[in-house]
């Protein structure tokens, strides 16, 4: 589905030379970045129980065509506004879906996308779609595909999905390997040809999502939050650290110490790497940019990707940074019983946090 010609922009240009930046230059670039709310088209909508979900289309900050789901509770208006949440999907080495990992897709979505979404959410979230729960709870929600996921994924990812869920002929293992290793090519291409780190482009697109939410007449612009699980959590604490319009956020299952990371980086690390920052700082140092903003980190005590010992040490370091910055009590760090998961229990804790802090 293509956008109308009025939404077309000039070809993307290499606006940055991020590889030449040191840590100070990168911090300055990210903290000073100013996104603009995009014009968007409503492509289709569906009324659900207490809210309306719309598939919208717009141009990203670098000219990409982006489709997002916008969920709006019933009864909102310019005189009856609601808080909003930008919902950031995970990585999972699963690329055929993105926004559909957090939201039940529209009936018009391709059959393989609907089946893939259902299977993913059943396995990782016990069948609970967080975006739909938040909308029923009164929040305006926006969920988009990051580059290389969902409608912005590769042809090989789409092929893998049709083979896996529709029985189309093809070799699942070969397709999966091709898509997985393709992450390195995305990273290299963006940096070489357009001067951008992949993770920073994602950050800038997430900033644009915040601006879109804030521009809606039925959204309270002073009450915009963000949430993500796994890679979405990484996106969330990066976004909340540098985007002033995000008033608070919650990150589920992504915090550790740098010494626990694979060396050399895996293909999946490339979507989250910002070398000038990673070379100088450890992950808990993000609290220096995040504080004094209220924020919550939640992690499973049996998470195999982020073992409790290293995560607990990271939490302690972040709490100390908040104390040093005079923001004691504004950072919530908790463990829940379980692994790398985003089920109804974890989702309810997240919604409780937003009820109290947004």
Protein backbone atom coordinates (compact mmCIF):
# COMPACT_ATOMS: atom_id res chain seq x y z
CA UNK A 1 0.00 0.00 0.00
CA UNK A 2 1.65 3.22 -1.16
CA UNK A 3 1.13 6.71 0.15
CA UNK A 4 -0.19 9.42 -2.12
CA UNK A 5 2.22 11.55 -4.09
CA UNK A 6 1.73 14.45 -1.70
CA UNK A 7 3.58 12.44 0.94
CA UNK A 8 6.60 11.73 -1.25
CA UNK A 9 9.88 13.39 -0.31
CA UNK A 10 13.24 13.82 -2.01
CA UNK A 11 15.59 10.83 -1.85
CA UNK A 12 17.36 10.30 1.42
CA UNK A 13 20.73 11.99 1.86
CA UNK A 14 23.73 11.32 4.08
CA UNK A 15 22.95 14.06 6.57
CA UNK A 16 25.47 12.86 9.14
CA UNK A 17 28.99 11.53 9.51
CA UNK A 18 28.43 9.71 12.79
CA UNK A 19 31.53 7.53 12.46
CA UNK A 20 33.65 10.64 13.01
CA UNK A 21 31.93 11.58 16.29
CA UNK A 22 33.37 10.93 19.73
CA UNK A 23 31.14 10.22 22.69
CA UNK A 24 30.61 13.90 23.45
CA UNK A 25 29.63 14.64 19.87
CA UNK A 26 27.20 11.74 19.80
CA UNK A 27 25.59 12.78 23.09
CA UNK A 28 25.23 16.32 21.78
CA UNK A 29 23.70 15.14 18.51
CA UNK A 30 21.15 12.92 20.21
CA UNK A 31 20.17 15.38 22.93
CA UNK A 32 19.77 18.25 20.47
CA UNK A 33 17.88 16.27 17.81
CA UNK A 34 14.52 17.86 17.05
CA UNK A 35 11.96 15.71 15.28
CA UNK A 36 8.91 17.04 13.49
CA UNK A 37 5.43 15.58 13.69
CA UNK A 38 4.68 14.02 10.29
CA UNK A 39 1.52 14.44 8.31
CA UNK A 40 -0.17 11.09 8.12
CA UNK A 41 -2.95 9.32 6.26
CA UNK A 42 -5.43 6.94 7.82
CA UNK A 43 -5.30 3.89 5.57
CA UNK A 44 -7.96 1.80 7.32
CA UNK A 45 -9.59 1.47 10.73
CA UNK A 46 -11.46 -0.98 12.92
CA UNK A 47 -13.64 -0.32 15.94
CA UNK A 48 -12.79 -2.54 18.88
CA UNK A 49 -14.12 -2.83 22.42
CA UNK A 50 -13.72 0.70 23.80
CA UNK A 51 -11.20 2.01 21.28
CA UNK A 52 -10.48 2.40 17.59
CA UNK A 53 -7.36 1.08 15.88
CA UNK A 54 -6.16 2.70 12.66
CA UNK A 55 -3.39 1.79 10.28
CA UNK A 56 -1.71 5.07 9.38
CA UNK A 57 1.02 5.92 6.88
CA UNK A 58 3.62 8.68 6.86
CA UNK A 59 7.18 9.46 5.86
CA UNK A 60 9.95 8.89 8.37
CA UNK A 61 12.66 11.49 9.03
CA UNK A 62 14.83 9.99 6.27
CA UNK A 63 12.08 9.48 3.71
CA UNK A 64 11.13 5.91 4.55
CA UNK A 65 7.48 4.99 4.18
CA UNK A 66 6.31 3.92 7.63
CA UNK A 67 3.05 2.24 8.56
CA UNK A 68 1.99 2.38 12.20
CA UNK A 69 -0.95 1.38 14.30
CA UNK A 70 -2.67 4.19 16.20
CA UNK A 71 -5.09 3.18 18.96
CA UNK A 72 -7.50 5.81 20.29
CA UNK A 73 -9.91 5.20 23.20
CA UNK A 74 -13.53 6.11 22.58
CA UNK A 75 -14.84 9.50 23.66
CA UNK A 76 -11.68 11.60 23.40
CA UNK A 77 -11.70 15.17 22.09
CA UNK A 78 -9.81 18.44 22.39
CA UNK A 79 -11.64 19.05 25.65
CA UNK A 80 -11.23 15.48 26.92
CA UNK A 81 -7.61 14.50 26.39
CA UNK A 82 -5.76 11.34 27.35
CA UNK A 83 -2.14 10.37 28.04
CA UNK A 84 -0.24 8.56 25.31
CA UNK A 85 2.34 5.80 25.11
CA UNK A 86 4.79 4.99 22.34
CA UNK A 87 5.04 1.20 22.28
CA UNK A 88 8.40 -0.16 21.06
CA UNK A 89 8.60 -3.72 19.78
CA UNK A 90 11.32 -6.26 20.51
CA UNK A 91 14.01 -7.89 18.37
CA UNK A 92 13.65 -11.63 18.99
CA UNK A 93 15.57 -12.48 15.79
CA UNK A 94 12.09 -12.46 14.26
CA UNK A 95 11.73 -9.95 11.47
CA UNK A 96 8.54 -10.70 9.54
CA UNK A 97 6.51 -8.78 12.15
CA UNK A 98 7.28 -5.67 14.20
CA UNK A 99 4.33 -3.62 15.41
CA UNK A 100 2.26 -6.81 15.28
CA UNK A 101 4.30 -8.12 18.22
CA UNK A 102 2.48 -5.70 20.53
CA UNK A 103 -0.89 -5.26 18.81
CA UNK A 104 -3.47 -7.59 17.28
CA UNK A 105 -3.28 -6.83 13.53
CA UNK A 106 -6.27 -5.77 11.50
CA UNK A 107 -8.23 -8.51 9.71
CA UNK A 108 -6.94 -7.19 6.38
CA UNK A 109 -3.32 -7.98 7.29
CA UNK A 110 -1.86 -10.88 5.29
CA UNK A 111 -2.71 -14.28 6.72
CA UNK A 112 0.92 -15.11 7.48
CA UNK A 113 1.30 -11.84 9.43
CA UNK A 114 -1.80 -12.57 11.51
CA UNK A 115 -0.65 -16.13 12.19
CA UNK A 116 2.90 -15.02 12.99
CA UNK A 117 1.63 -12.34 15.35
CA UNK A 118 -0.64 -14.77 17.18
CA UNK A 119 2.12 -17.35 17.59
CA UNK A 120 4.69 -14.79 18.77
CA UNK A 121 2.40 -13.19 21.32
CA UNK A 122 1.21 -16.56 22.60
CA UNK A 123 4.79 -17.74 23.14
CA UNK A 124 6.21 -14.53 24.61
CA UNK A 125 3.24 -12.72 26.14
CA UNK A 126 0.84 -15.55 27.01
CA UNK A 127 -1.48 -14.27 24.29
CA UNK A 128 -1.83 -10.77 25.77
CA UNK A 129 -1.44 -7.84 23.35
CA UNK A 130 -0.22 -4.92 25.45
CA UNK A 131 -1.26 -2.18 23.00
CA UNK A 132 -4.87 -3.33 23.06
CA UNK A 133 -4.84 -3.52 26.87
CA UNK A 134 -3.43 0.00 27.16
CA UNK A 135 -6.03 1.40 24.76
CA UNK A 136 -8.83 -0.22 26.75
CA UNK A 137 -7.26 1.38 29.81
CA UNK A 138 -7.58 4.87 28.34
CA UNK A 139 -4.20 5.47 26.68
CA UNK A 140 -3.61 6.64 23.11
CA UNK A 141 -1.01 4.21 21.72
CA UNK A 142 1.30 4.31 18.70
CA UNK A 143 3.25 1.25 17.49
CA UNK A 144 5.51 1.27 14.42
CA UNK A 145 7.91 -1.01 12.60
CA UNK A 146 11.59 -0.33 13.19
CA UNK A 147 13.81 -0.63 10.14
CA UNK A 148 14.21 -4.31 9.10
CA UNK A 149 11.04 -5.47 10.86
CA UNK A 150 7.47 -5.99 9.69
CA UNK A 151 6.54 -4.08 6.57
CA UNK A 152 10.12 -2.70 6.49
CA UNK A 153 11.72 -6.15 6.56
CA UNK A 154 13.50 -7.90 3.72
CA UNK A 155 11.97 -10.02 0.98
CA UNK A 156 13.68 -13.02 2.58
CA UNK A 157 11.91 -12.32 5.89
CA UNK A 158 8.56 -12.14 4.13
CA UNK A 159 9.36 -15.36 2.28
CA UNK A 160 10.31 -17.09 5.55
CA UNK A 161 6.97 -16.04 7.00
CA UNK A 162 4.97 -17.46 4.09
CA UNK A 163 6.93 -20.72 4.20
CA UNK A 164 6.51 -21.02 7.97
CA UNK A 165 2.85 -20.10 8.26
CA UNK A 166 1.29 -20.70 4.84
CA UNK A 167 3.22 -23.75 3.70
CA UNK A 168 4.83 -22.04 0.72
CA UNK A 169 7.76 -23.96 -0.70
CA UNK A 170 11.17 -22.89 0.60
CA UNK A 171 14.01 -23.72 3.00
CA UNK A 172 13.25 -22.23 6.42
CA UNK A 173 16.76 -22.63 7.78
CA UNK A 174 18.45 -21.00 4.80
CA UNK A 175 15.96 -18.12 4.82
CA UNK A 176 16.35 -17.60 8.56
CA UNK A 177 20.14 -17.51 8.28
CA UNK A 178 19.97 -15.08 5.37
CA UNK A 179 17.71 -12.69 7.26
CA UNK A 180 19.73 -12.96 10.48
CA UNK A 181 23.07 -12.23 8.82
CA UNK A 182 21.44 -9.46 6.78
CA UNK A 183 21.53 -7.29 9.89
CA UNK A 184 25.23 -6.70 9.33
CA UNK A 185 24.52 -5.43 5.82
CA UNK A 186 21.86 -3.02 7.10
CA UNK A 187 24.30 -1.60 9.65
CA UNK A 188 27.17 -1.31 7.15
CA UNK A 189 25.01 0.19 4.40
CA UNK A 190 23.51 2.89 6.61
CA UNK A 191 26.88 3.89 8.03
CA UNK A 192 28.80 3.76 4.74
CA UNK A 193 26.20 5.27 2.42
CA UNK A 194 24.23 7.59 4.71
CA UNK A 195 26.52 8.28 7.62
CA UNK A 196 24.15 6.98 10.31
CA UNK A 197 24.27 4.32 12.95
CA UNK A 198 21.25 2.04 12.69
CA UNK A 199 20.35 2.49 16.37
CA UNK A 200 20.49 6.27 16.06
CA UNK A 201 18.17 6.19 13.06
CA UNK A 202 15.78 4.11 15.15
CA UNK A 203 16.05 6.65 17.96
CA UNK A 204 15.24 9.50 15.57
CA UNK A 205 12.25 7.62 14.19
CA UNK A 206 11.05 6.96 17.74
CA UNK A 207 11.38 10.70 18.46
CA UNK A 208 9.16 11.32 15.45
CA UNK A 209 6.60 8.92 16.91
CA UNK A 210 6.57 10.94 20.13
CA UNK A 211 6.00 14.12 18.13
CA UNK A 212 3.16 12.51 16.22
CA UNK A 213 1.43 11.52 19.46
CA UNK A 214 1.98 14.95 21.01
CA UNK A 215 0.47 16.66 17.97
CA UNK A 216 -2.88 14.87 18.23
CA UNK A 217 -5.61 17.21 19.51
CA UNK A 218 -6.99 14.60 21.91
CA UNK A 219 -3.59 13.81 23.51
CA UNK A 220 -2.29 15.53 26.64
CA UNK A 221 1.18 16.51 25.43
CA UNK A 222 2.50 16.70 28.99
CA UNK A 223 1.68 13.04 29.60
CA UNK A 224 3.56 11.04 26.95
CA UNK A 225 5.36 7.87 27.98
CA UNK A 226 7.17 4.98 26.33
CA UNK A 227 7.45 1.25 26.91
CA UNK A 228 9.44 -1.57 25.40
CA UNK A 229 10.33 -5.19 26.07
CA UNK A 230 13.74 -6.69 25.20
CA UNK A 231 15.19 -4.60 22.34
CA UNK A 232 12.16 -2.37 22.80
CA UNK A 233 13.39 -1.73 26.36
CA UNK A 234 16.79 -0.67 24.99
CA UNK A 235 15.00 1.67 22.58
CA UNK A 236 12.90 2.97 25.46
CA UNK A 237 15.71 3.98 27.79
CA UNK A 238 17.63 5.55 24.93
CA UNK A 239 14.56 7.53 23.87
CA UNK A 240 13.62 8.65 27.38
CA UNK A 241 17.19 9.77 28.07
CA UNK A 242 17.39 12.22 25.18
CA UNK A 243 13.81 13.10 24.18
CA UNK A 244 12.37 15.71 26.53
CA UNK A 245 8.76 15.10 25.52
CA UNK A 246 8.89 11.58 26.98
CA UNK A 247 7.90 12.23 30.58
CA UNK A 248 8.53 8.71 31.83
CA UNK A 249 9.06 5.20 30.56
CA UNK A 250 9.30 1.55 31.50
CA UNK A 251 11.90 -0.90 30.21
CA UNK A 252 11.28 -4.63 30.56
CA UNK A 253 14.16 -7.11 30.25
CA UNK A 254 17.11 -5.11 28.91
CA UNK A 255 19.77 -3.94 31.31
CA UNK A 256 23.14 -5.47 32.05
CA UNK A 257 26.86 -4.72 32.20
CA UNK A 258 29.03 -4.41 29.12
CA UNK A 259 31.30 -7.25 30.21
CA UNK A 260 28.43 -9.72 29.70
CA UNK A 261 28.08 -8.89 25.99
CA UNK A 262 29.40 -11.08 23.21
CA UNK A 263 32.73 -10.13 21.66
CA UNK A 264 32.85 -9.70 18.74
CA UNK A 265 29.25 -8.47 18.47
CA UNK A 266 26.64 -10.83 17.11
CA UNK A 267 24.60 -9.90 14.05
CA UNK A 268 21.69 -8.96 16.32
CA UNK A 269 23.84 -6.53 18.31
CA UNK A 270 24.16 -4.30 15.24
CA UNK A 271 20.64 -2.89 15.54
CA UNK A 272 21.47 -1.55 19.03
CA UNK A 273 25.11 -0.48 18.74
CA UNK A 274 26.15 3.16 19.03
CA UNK A 275 29.94 2.71 19.07
CA UNK A 276 30.99 6.17 20.37
CA UNK A 277 28.79 5.59 23.45
CA UNK A 278 29.38 1.87 23.91
CA UNK A 279 33.16 2.28 23.64
CA UNK A 280 33.29 4.82 26.47
CA UNK A 281 30.35 4.03 28.75
CA UNK A 282 28.77 1.00 30.38
CA UNK A 283 25.02 0.48 30.03
CA UNK A 284 24.08 1.72 33.54
CA UNK A 285 25.75 5.04 32.72
CA UNK A 286 22.63 5.88 30.73
CA UNK A 287 21.21 6.96 34.10
CA UNK A 288 23.40 10.08 33.85
CA UNK A 289 21.28 11.23 30.91
CA UNK A 290 18.05 9.68 32.14
CA UNK A 291 17.96 11.24 35.61
CA UNK A 292 16.10 12.99 37.17
CA UNK A 293 13.29 11.68 34.95
CA UNK A 294 11.04 9.05 36.56
CA UNK A 295 11.67 5.66 34.99
CA UNK A 296 11.23 1.96 35.69
CA UNK A 297 13.43 -1.02 34.86
CA UNK A 298 11.91 -4.47 35.34
CA UNK A 299 13.76 -7.74 34.78
CA UNK A 300 13.15 -11.45 35.27
CA UNK A 301 15.19 -13.15 37.98
CA UNK A 302 15.67 -16.16 35.69
CA UNK A 303 16.31 -14.23 32.45
CA UNK A 304 18.98 -16.15 30.53
CA UNK A 305 19.79 -13.18 28.29
CA UNK A 306 20.26 -10.78 31.21
CA UNK A 307 21.34 -12.81 34.28
CA UNK A 308 20.18 -11.48 37.62
CA UNK A 309 23.67 -10.92 39.05
CA UNK A 310 24.82 -8.50 36.34
CA UNK A 311 21.42 -6.84 36.11
CA UNK A 312 21.30 -6.29 39.87
CA UNK A 313 24.74 -4.68 39.77
CA UNK A 314 23.60 -2.44 36.91
CA UNK A 315 20.46 -1.47 38.87
CA UNK A 316 22.59 -0.57 41.90
CA UNK A 317 24.89 1.62 39.81
CA UNK A 318 21.92 3.45 38.27
CA UNK A 319 20.32 4.02 41.67
CA UNK A 320 23.57 5.56 42.89
CA UNK A 321 23.67 7.90 39.89
CA UNK A 322 20.10 9.01 40.64
CA UNK A 323 21.08 9.63 44.28
CA UNK A 324 24.12 11.67 43.23
CA UNK A 325 21.87 13.75 40.97
CA UNK A 326 19.39 14.48 43.75
CA UNK A 327 16.71 12.25 42.22
CA UNK A 328 16.52 9.48 44.79
CA UNK A 329 13.19 7.68 44.63
CA UNK A 330 12.52 8.52 40.99
CA UNK A 331 14.13 5.37 39.59
CA UNK A 332 12.27 2.09 40.06
CA UNK A 333 14.26 -1.12 39.62
CA UNK A 334 12.56 -4.45 40.23
CA UNK A 335 12.82 -8.16 39.54
CA UNK A 336 9.92 -10.48 38.87
CA UNK A 337 9.88 -14.27 39.12
CA UNK A 338 10.51 -15.67 35.67
CA UNK A 339 12.56 -15.32 32.54
CA UNK A 340 12.67 -13.15 29.41
CA UNK A 341 8.92 -12.66 29.19
CA UNK A 342 6.18 -10.05 28.77
CA UNK A 343 3.07 -11.81 30.01
CA UNK A 344 -0.09 -10.46 31.67
CA UNK A 345 1.59 -10.24 35.10
CA UNK A 346 4.45 -8.13 33.78
CA UNK A 347 2.08 -6.06 31.64
CA UNK A 348 -0.12 -5.31 34.65
CA UNK A 349 2.92 -4.10 36.60
CA UNK A 350 3.82 -1.83 33.68
CA UNK A 351 0.27 -0.44 33.51
CA UNK A 352 0.28 0.11 37.27
CA UNK A 353 3.48 2.10 36.92
CA UNK A 354 1.97 4.30 34.22
CA UNK A 355 -1.21 4.84 36.23
CA UNK A 356 0.94 6.15 39.06
CA UNK A 357 3.50 8.12 37.06
CA UNK A 358 1.91 9.39 33.84
